[in-house]
Amino acid sequence: MSKGERIRMARQQQQQQQQIQVDPSDVTIRKCAGCNGELFEQALKVGIMSGLNPKNPTGKDFQINIPVVVCKVCGWEFGKPVIEDGTADGRDGYEA
C-alpha cells in the first residue's frame, strides 16, 4: 500500500469517526454560484508532484488525487470564486 493510499484511508477513518447526526431540516442548502442548482457530485482533480519539488521527500514524481465537489448541471467547482461577469470560474469545464 502506497503512502498516499494510507493517508487517504486514515482521513476516511477520521471522517467516519467525526460524523455527527444532523436533522436535514436544520441544514441550509447551498446553491451553485454558476447556475443556482442544488445538486452536486464528487469528482477528482489529478495532480503530479514533481520529483524536483523541494517539498517532495521521495525525489520521484507522484500522482495526487484531490477530491472536489462540482455542480451536476454546469460543472462549477464548489468553492471557486465567481468572476466579475457573474459566471462561475471554470463553469464550462475548461480552465486556463
Protein backbone atom coordinates (compact mmCIF):
# COMPACT_ATOMS: atom_id res chain seq x y z
CA MET A 1 0.00 0.00 0.00
CA SER A 2 1.41 3.39 -1.01
CA LYS A 3 1.84 6.31 1.38
CA GLY A 4 -0.91 8.21 -0.45
CA GLU A 5 -3.36 5.33 -0.01
CA ARG A 6 -2.52 5.07 3.70
CA ILE A 7 -3.11 8.81 4.14
CA ARG A 8 -6.42 8.61 2.25
CA MET A 9 -7.58 5.69 4.37
CA ALA A 10 -6.61 7.48 7.59
CA ARG A 11 -8.58 10.57 6.51
CA GLN A 12 -11.63 8.45 5.69
CA GLN A 13 -11.44 6.79 9.10
CA GLN A 14 -11.20 10.20 10.82
CA GLN A 15 -14.20 11.47 8.86
CA GLN A 16 -16.23 8.39 9.76
CA GLN A 17 -15.37 8.83 13.44
CA GLN A 18 -16.30 12.53 13.36
CA GLN A 19 -19.73 12.10 11.76
CA ILE A 20 -22.45 13.95 13.63
CA GLN A 21 -26.14 13.07 13.50
CA VAL A 22 -27.93 16.04 11.89
CA ASP A 23 -31.60 16.55 11.13
CA PRO A 24 -31.78 17.54 7.42
CA SER A 25 -34.46 20.14 8.23
CA ASP A 26 -31.82 22.05 10.26
CA VAL A 27 -29.50 22.41 7.26
CA THR A 28 -29.30 25.32 4.81
CA ILE A 29 -28.93 24.00 1.25
CA ARG A 30 -26.07 25.64 -0.66
CA LYS A 31 -26.61 26.58 -4.30
CA CYS A 32 -24.28 26.68 -7.27
CA ALA A 33 -22.82 30.12 -7.91
CA GLY A 34 -22.89 29.41 -11.65
CA CYS A 35 -26.46 28.22 -12.27
CA ASN A 36 -28.22 28.27 -8.87
CA GLY A 37 -28.54 24.47 -8.98
CA GLU A 38 -28.71 22.41 -5.80
CA LEU A 39 -27.24 19.07 -6.94
CA PHE A 40 -23.52 18.40 -6.67
CA GLU A 41 -21.33 15.34 -7.10
CA GLN A 42 -17.84 14.36 -6.07
CA ALA A 43 -15.02 14.43 -8.60
CA LEU A 44 -11.24 14.23 -8.54
CA LYS A 45 -8.60 16.67 -9.69
CA VAL A 46 -5.45 14.82 -10.60
CA GLY A 47 -2.09 16.46 -10.00
CA ILE A 48 1.53 15.40 -10.28
CA MET A 49 4.12 16.45 -7.73
CA SER A 50 7.46 16.71 -9.45
CA GLY A 51 10.41 14.85 -8.06
CA LEU A 52 12.28 18.14 -8.37
CA ASN A 53 9.93 19.92 -5.95
CA PRO A 54 11.86 20.66 -2.74
CA LYS A 55 8.78 19.62 -0.69
CA ASN A 56 8.82 16.15 -2.27
CA PRO A 57 10.83 13.89 0.07
CA THR A 58 10.88 10.95 -2.37
CA GLY A 59 12.64 12.68 -5.26
CA LYS A 60 10.25 10.92 -7.65
CA ASP A 61 7.19 12.23 -9.49
CA PHE A 62 3.93 11.02 -7.97
CA GLN A 63 0.23 11.48 -8.55
CA ILE A 64 -2.03 13.33 -6.12
CA ASN A 65 -5.81 12.89 -6.27
CA ILE A 66 -7.66 15.90 -4.87
CA PRO A 67 -11.36 15.41 -4.09
CA VAL A 68 -13.64 18.26 -5.19
CA VAL A 69 -17.39 18.84 -5.44
CA VAL A 70 -18.85 20.01 -8.77
CA CYS A 71 -22.32 21.12 -9.87
CA LYS A 72 -24.14 18.39 -11.78
CA VAL A 73 -25.74 20.97 -14.09
CA CYS A 74 -22.94 23.36 -15.11
CA GLY A 75 -19.75 21.78 -13.75
CA TRP A 76 -18.78 24.69 -11.48
CA GLU A 77 -16.37 23.59 -8.76
CA PHE A 78 -17.90 24.38 -5.38
CA GLY A 79 -15.84 26.95 -3.50
CA LYS A 80 -14.24 28.52 -6.58
CA PRO A 81 -14.69 32.27 -6.93
CA VAL A 82 -17.22 33.81 -9.29
CA ILE A 83 -15.65 36.12 -11.89
CA GLU A 84 -16.91 39.67 -12.44
CA ASP A 85 -19.31 38.90 -15.30
CA GLY A 86 -21.39 36.82 -12.87
CA THR A 87 -20.41 33.44 -14.24
CA ALA A 88 -18.67 30.81 -12.18
CA ASP A 89 -14.95 30.49 -12.87
CA GLY A 90 -14.35 27.31 -14.88
CA ARG A 91 -18.10 26.86 -15.38
CA ASP A 92 -17.68 25.47 -18.88
CA GLY A 93 -15.40 22.76 -17.54
CA TYR A 94 -12.24 24.28 -19.02
CA GLU A 95 -9.53 26.10 -17.12
CA ALA A 96 -6.79 28.33 -18.44
